[in-house]
N, C-alpha and C. Protein backbone atom coordinates (compact mmCIF):
# COMPACT_ATOMS: atom_id res chain seq x y z
N MET A 1 -35.69 -60.99 53.61
CA MET A 1 -34.71 -60.27 52.81
C MET A 1 -34.67 -60.88 51.41
N VAL A 2 -34.48 -60.05 50.41
CA VAL A 2 -34.46 -60.48 49.01
C VAL A 2 -33.08 -61.03 48.67
N ASP A 3 -33.09 -62.23 48.06
CA ASP A 3 -31.84 -62.83 47.61
C ASP A 3 -31.51 -62.25 46.23
N VAL A 4 -30.56 -61.34 46.19
CA VAL A 4 -30.22 -60.64 44.95
C VAL A 4 -29.70 -61.61 43.89
N ALA A 5 -28.94 -62.60 44.29
CA ALA A 5 -28.40 -63.57 43.33
C ALA A 5 -29.52 -64.36 42.68
N ALA A 6 -30.54 -64.74 43.45
CA ALA A 6 -31.66 -65.49 42.89
C ALA A 6 -32.46 -64.63 41.91
N VAL A 7 -32.66 -63.37 42.26
CA VAL A 7 -33.36 -62.46 41.36
C VAL A 7 -32.57 -62.27 40.07
N ALA A 8 -31.25 -62.11 40.18
CA ALA A 8 -30.40 -61.94 39.00
C ALA A 8 -30.44 -63.18 38.11
N ARG A 9 -30.43 -64.37 38.73
CA ARG A 9 -30.54 -65.60 37.93
C ARG A 9 -31.88 -65.68 37.22
N GLY A 10 -32.93 -65.26 37.89
CA GLY A 10 -34.25 -65.25 37.27
C GLY A 10 -34.32 -64.28 36.10
N VAL A 11 -33.76 -63.09 36.27
CA VAL A 11 -33.73 -62.10 35.19
C VAL A 11 -32.91 -62.64 34.02
N LEU A 12 -31.78 -63.27 34.30
CA LEU A 12 -30.95 -63.85 33.25
C LEU A 12 -31.70 -64.94 32.49
N LEU A 13 -32.44 -65.75 33.20
CA LEU A 13 -33.23 -66.81 32.55
C LEU A 13 -34.27 -66.20 31.61
N VAL A 14 -34.96 -65.17 32.07
CA VAL A 14 -35.95 -64.49 31.22
C VAL A 14 -35.28 -63.89 29.99
N MET A 15 -34.11 -63.28 30.19
CA MET A 15 -33.39 -62.69 29.07
C MET A 15 -32.99 -63.75 28.05
N ARG A 16 -32.57 -64.91 28.52
CA ARG A 16 -32.21 -66.00 27.60
C ARG A 16 -33.42 -66.47 26.80
N PHE A 17 -34.57 -66.57 27.45
CA PHE A 17 -35.79 -66.95 26.73
C PHE A 17 -36.15 -65.90 25.68
N ILE A 18 -35.96 -64.64 26.00
CA ILE A 18 -36.25 -63.58 25.03
C ILE A 18 -35.33 -63.69 23.83
N VAL A 19 -34.04 -63.90 24.07
CA VAL A 19 -33.08 -64.03 22.96
C VAL A 19 -33.44 -65.24 22.09
N PHE A 20 -33.76 -66.36 22.74
CA PHE A 20 -34.14 -67.55 21.97
C PHE A 20 -35.42 -67.31 21.19
N GLY A 21 -36.39 -66.64 21.80
CA GLY A 21 -37.64 -66.32 21.10
C GLY A 21 -37.41 -65.43 19.90
N LEU A 22 -36.53 -64.45 20.05
CA LEU A 22 -36.22 -63.57 18.92
C LEU A 22 -35.53 -64.32 17.79
N THR A 23 -34.62 -65.22 18.13
CA THR A 23 -33.95 -65.99 17.07
C THR A 23 -34.93 -66.92 16.36
N LEU A 24 -35.84 -67.51 17.13
CA LEU A 24 -36.86 -68.35 16.48
C LEU A 24 -37.78 -67.51 15.61
N GLY A 25 -38.10 -66.31 16.06
CA GLY A 25 -38.95 -65.43 15.27
C GLY A 25 -38.32 -65.06 13.94
N ILE A 26 -37.05 -64.69 13.97
CA ILE A 26 -36.39 -64.31 12.71
C ILE A 26 -36.20 -65.54 11.81
N THR A 27 -36.04 -66.70 12.42
CA THR A 27 -35.96 -67.94 11.62
C THR A 27 -37.29 -68.20 10.93
N LEU A 28 -38.38 -68.03 11.65
CA LEU A 28 -39.71 -68.24 11.07
C LEU A 28 -39.98 -67.24 9.95
N ILE A 29 -39.63 -65.98 10.17
CA ILE A 29 -39.84 -64.96 9.13
C ILE A 29 -39.02 -65.28 7.89
N SER A 30 -37.77 -65.71 8.08
CA SER A 30 -36.94 -66.04 6.92
C SER A 30 -37.46 -67.28 6.20
N PHE A 31 -38.03 -68.24 6.95
CA PHE A 31 -38.62 -69.42 6.31
C PHE A 31 -39.84 -69.03 5.48
N GLN A 32 -40.68 -68.14 6.02
CA GLN A 32 -41.86 -67.69 5.28
C GLN A 32 -41.45 -66.94 4.02
N ALA A 33 -40.40 -66.14 4.10
CA ALA A 33 -39.92 -65.44 2.91
C ALA A 33 -39.41 -66.44 1.87
N TYR A 34 -38.73 -67.47 2.35
CA TYR A 34 -38.24 -68.50 1.43
C TYR A 34 -39.40 -69.26 0.78
N GLN A 35 -40.46 -69.50 1.54
CA GLN A 35 -41.62 -70.21 0.98
C GLN A 35 -42.30 -69.39 -0.12
N LYS A 36 -42.33 -68.07 0.04
CA LYS A 36 -42.97 -67.21 -0.95
C LYS A 36 -42.15 -67.12 -2.23
N ARG A 37 -40.86 -66.90 -2.07
CA ARG A 37 -39.96 -66.76 -3.21
C ARG A 37 -38.80 -67.72 -3.02
N ARG A 38 -38.86 -68.82 -3.65
CA ARG A 38 -37.85 -69.87 -3.46
C ARG A 38 -36.57 -69.52 -4.22
N THR A 39 -35.79 -68.64 -3.60
CA THR A 39 -34.51 -68.28 -4.18
C THR A 39 -33.40 -68.89 -3.33
N GLU A 40 -32.27 -69.04 -3.96
CA GLU A 40 -31.12 -69.62 -3.26
C GLU A 40 -30.67 -68.71 -2.10
N ARG A 41 -30.73 -67.42 -2.32
CA ARG A 41 -30.32 -66.47 -1.27
C ARG A 41 -31.20 -66.59 -0.03
N LEU A 42 -32.52 -66.69 -0.23
CA LEU A 42 -33.43 -66.82 0.91
C LEU A 42 -33.27 -68.17 1.61
N GLN A 43 -32.93 -69.19 0.83
CA GLN A 43 -32.69 -70.50 1.44
C GLN A 43 -31.46 -70.44 2.35
N TYR A 44 -30.39 -69.82 1.88
CA TYR A 44 -29.19 -69.69 2.70
C TYR A 44 -29.46 -68.84 3.95
N ALA A 45 -30.26 -67.78 3.79
CA ALA A 45 -30.58 -66.93 4.94
C ALA A 45 -31.39 -67.72 5.97
N PHE A 46 -32.38 -68.48 5.51
CA PHE A 46 -33.18 -69.29 6.43
C PHE A 46 -32.30 -70.29 7.16
N LEU A 47 -31.46 -70.99 6.44
CA LEU A 47 -30.58 -71.98 7.08
C LEU A 47 -29.62 -71.31 8.06
N GLY A 48 -29.12 -70.13 7.70
CA GLY A 48 -28.23 -69.40 8.59
C GLY A 48 -28.92 -69.05 9.90
N PHE A 49 -30.12 -68.51 9.81
CA PHE A 49 -30.85 -68.16 11.03
C PHE A 49 -31.22 -69.40 11.84
N ALA A 50 -31.52 -70.50 11.16
CA ALA A 50 -31.84 -71.74 11.88
C ALA A 50 -30.64 -72.22 12.68
N PHE A 51 -29.46 -72.19 12.08
CA PHE A 51 -28.26 -72.62 12.81
C PHE A 51 -27.90 -71.66 13.94
N ILE A 52 -28.13 -70.37 13.73
CA ILE A 52 -27.87 -69.42 14.81
C ILE A 52 -28.83 -69.67 15.97
N SER A 53 -30.10 -69.97 15.66
CA SER A 53 -31.06 -70.33 16.71
C SER A 53 -30.59 -71.57 17.47
N MET A 54 -30.08 -72.53 16.74
CA MET A 54 -29.56 -73.73 17.38
C MET A 54 -28.38 -73.39 18.28
N GLY A 55 -27.52 -72.51 17.82
CA GLY A 55 -26.38 -72.09 18.63
C GLY A 55 -26.80 -71.40 19.91
N VAL A 56 -27.84 -70.58 19.84
CA VAL A 56 -28.35 -69.91 21.04
C VAL A 56 -28.90 -70.94 22.02
N ALA A 57 -29.63 -71.92 21.50
CA ALA A 57 -30.18 -72.96 22.38
C ALA A 57 -29.06 -73.77 23.04
N VAL A 58 -28.07 -74.16 22.26
CA VAL A 58 -26.96 -74.93 22.81
C VAL A 58 -26.19 -74.10 23.83
N SER A 59 -26.02 -72.82 23.54
CA SER A 59 -25.33 -71.93 24.46
C SER A 59 -26.04 -71.85 25.81
N SER A 60 -27.35 -71.78 25.78
CA SER A 60 -28.12 -71.73 27.03
C SER A 60 -27.97 -73.03 27.83
N VAL A 61 -28.02 -74.15 27.14
CA VAL A 61 -27.87 -75.44 27.82
C VAL A 61 -26.48 -75.57 28.41
N ILE A 62 -25.47 -75.18 27.66
CA ILE A 62 -24.09 -75.29 28.14
C ILE A 62 -23.87 -74.42 29.37
N THR A 63 -24.47 -73.24 29.37
CA THR A 63 -24.34 -72.36 30.52
C THR A 63 -24.92 -73.01 31.77
N GLN A 64 -26.04 -73.70 31.61
CA GLN A 64 -26.66 -74.38 32.74
C GLN A 64 -25.82 -75.57 33.21
N LEU A 65 -25.21 -76.29 32.26
CA LEU A 65 -24.40 -77.46 32.61
C LEU A 65 -23.02 -77.08 33.12
N GLY A 66 -22.58 -75.88 32.78
CA GLY A 66 -21.20 -75.47 33.06
C GLY A 66 -20.82 -75.47 34.53
N ALA A 67 -21.78 -75.24 35.41
CA ALA A 67 -21.44 -75.15 36.84
C ALA A 67 -20.92 -76.47 37.39
N GLY A 68 -21.45 -77.59 36.92
CA GLY A 68 -21.04 -78.87 37.47
C GLY A 68 -20.08 -79.67 36.60
N ALA A 69 -19.67 -79.11 35.48
CA ALA A 69 -18.84 -79.86 34.55
C ALA A 69 -17.36 -79.61 34.83
N SER A 70 -16.54 -80.58 34.44
CA SER A 70 -15.09 -80.40 34.55
C SER A 70 -14.62 -79.42 33.48
N GLN A 71 -13.41 -78.93 33.63
CA GLN A 71 -12.88 -77.94 32.69
C GLN A 71 -12.74 -78.53 31.29
N LEU A 72 -12.32 -79.79 31.18
CA LEU A 72 -12.15 -80.42 29.88
C LEU A 72 -13.50 -80.61 29.19
N SER A 73 -14.48 -81.12 29.91
CA SER A 73 -15.79 -81.32 29.28
C SER A 73 -16.43 -79.98 28.93
N LEU A 74 -16.21 -78.97 29.75
CA LEU A 74 -16.74 -77.64 29.45
C LEU A 74 -16.12 -77.08 28.18
N THR A 75 -14.83 -77.35 27.98
CA THR A 75 -14.15 -76.91 26.76
C THR A 75 -14.76 -77.58 25.53
N PHE A 76 -15.04 -78.89 25.62
CA PHE A 76 -15.66 -79.59 24.49
C PHE A 76 -17.08 -79.08 24.23
N PHE A 77 -17.82 -78.78 25.30
CA PHE A 77 -19.16 -78.22 25.14
C PHE A 77 -19.09 -76.87 24.43
N GLN A 78 -18.12 -76.06 24.80
CA GLN A 78 -17.99 -74.74 24.19
C GLN A 78 -17.56 -74.86 22.73
N MET A 79 -16.77 -75.86 22.41
CA MET A 79 -16.42 -76.10 21.00
C MET A 79 -17.66 -76.50 20.22
N ALA A 80 -18.49 -77.35 20.82
CA ALA A 80 -19.72 -77.77 20.16
C ALA A 80 -20.68 -76.59 20.01
N GLU A 81 -20.61 -75.67 20.93
CA GLU A 81 -21.45 -74.47 20.87
C GLU A 81 -21.07 -73.59 19.68
N ALA A 82 -19.79 -73.53 19.37
CA ALA A 82 -19.31 -72.64 18.31
C ALA A 82 -19.69 -73.14 16.92
N VAL A 83 -19.85 -74.44 16.75
CA VAL A 83 -20.11 -75.02 15.42
C VAL A 83 -21.39 -74.47 14.79
N PRO A 84 -22.55 -74.48 15.49
CA PRO A 84 -23.75 -73.92 14.84
C PRO A 84 -23.62 -72.44 14.49
N PHE A 85 -22.90 -71.68 15.32
CA PHE A 85 -22.70 -70.27 15.00
C PHE A 85 -21.83 -70.11 13.76
N ILE A 86 -20.79 -70.91 13.64
CA ILE A 86 -19.92 -70.84 12.46
C ILE A 86 -20.71 -71.16 11.20
N ILE A 87 -21.49 -72.23 11.25
CA ILE A 87 -22.30 -72.62 10.08
C ILE A 87 -23.34 -71.55 9.78
N GLY A 88 -24.01 -71.07 10.84
CA GLY A 88 -25.07 -70.08 10.65
C GLY A 88 -24.58 -68.79 10.03
N PHE A 89 -23.49 -68.25 10.57
CA PHE A 89 -22.98 -67.01 10.01
C PHE A 89 -22.37 -67.22 8.63
N SER A 90 -21.84 -68.40 8.36
CA SER A 90 -21.35 -68.70 7.00
C SER A 90 -22.51 -68.72 6.01
N MET A 91 -23.63 -69.29 6.41
CA MET A 91 -24.80 -69.31 5.54
C MET A 91 -25.33 -67.89 5.29
N LEU A 92 -25.33 -67.06 6.33
CA LEU A 92 -25.76 -65.67 6.14
C LEU A 92 -24.82 -64.95 5.18
N TYR A 93 -23.54 -65.20 5.33
CA TYR A 93 -22.56 -64.61 4.42
C TYR A 93 -22.86 -65.04 2.97
N LEU A 94 -23.13 -66.33 2.78
CA LEU A 94 -23.44 -66.82 1.45
C LEU A 94 -24.73 -66.18 0.90
N SER A 95 -25.70 -65.96 1.78
CA SER A 95 -26.96 -65.37 1.31
C SER A 95 -26.74 -63.94 0.82
N LEU A 96 -25.76 -63.26 1.36
CA LEU A 96 -25.51 -61.88 0.95
C LEU A 96 -24.64 -61.78 -0.30
N TYR A 97 -23.76 -62.74 -0.50
CA TYR A 97 -22.78 -62.61 -1.57
C TYR A 97 -22.90 -63.65 -2.67
N ARG A 98 -23.99 -64.36 -2.75
CA ARG A 98 -24.18 -65.33 -3.83
C ARG A 98 -25.03 -64.77 -4.90
């Protein structure tokens, strides 16, 4: 008999790898654009995407650690997860309005 929970966890793992791959791809594209035309806007965009990629990676790790962690440590992990997203989206905002 097929273990539906195991299949769902496997699909979720693949989906997380796809999301991380996409964020790395857009980070690479923004870095290449910055290398061609070294403007402040492209630099902010590259840094924004890099921090968002970091946030996705941290989010995946925290999800894996969350099952065995206490509620307090999980809260601190989630706070640490939010920091790269805050920085990343702030950098993207700056790239659009500077």
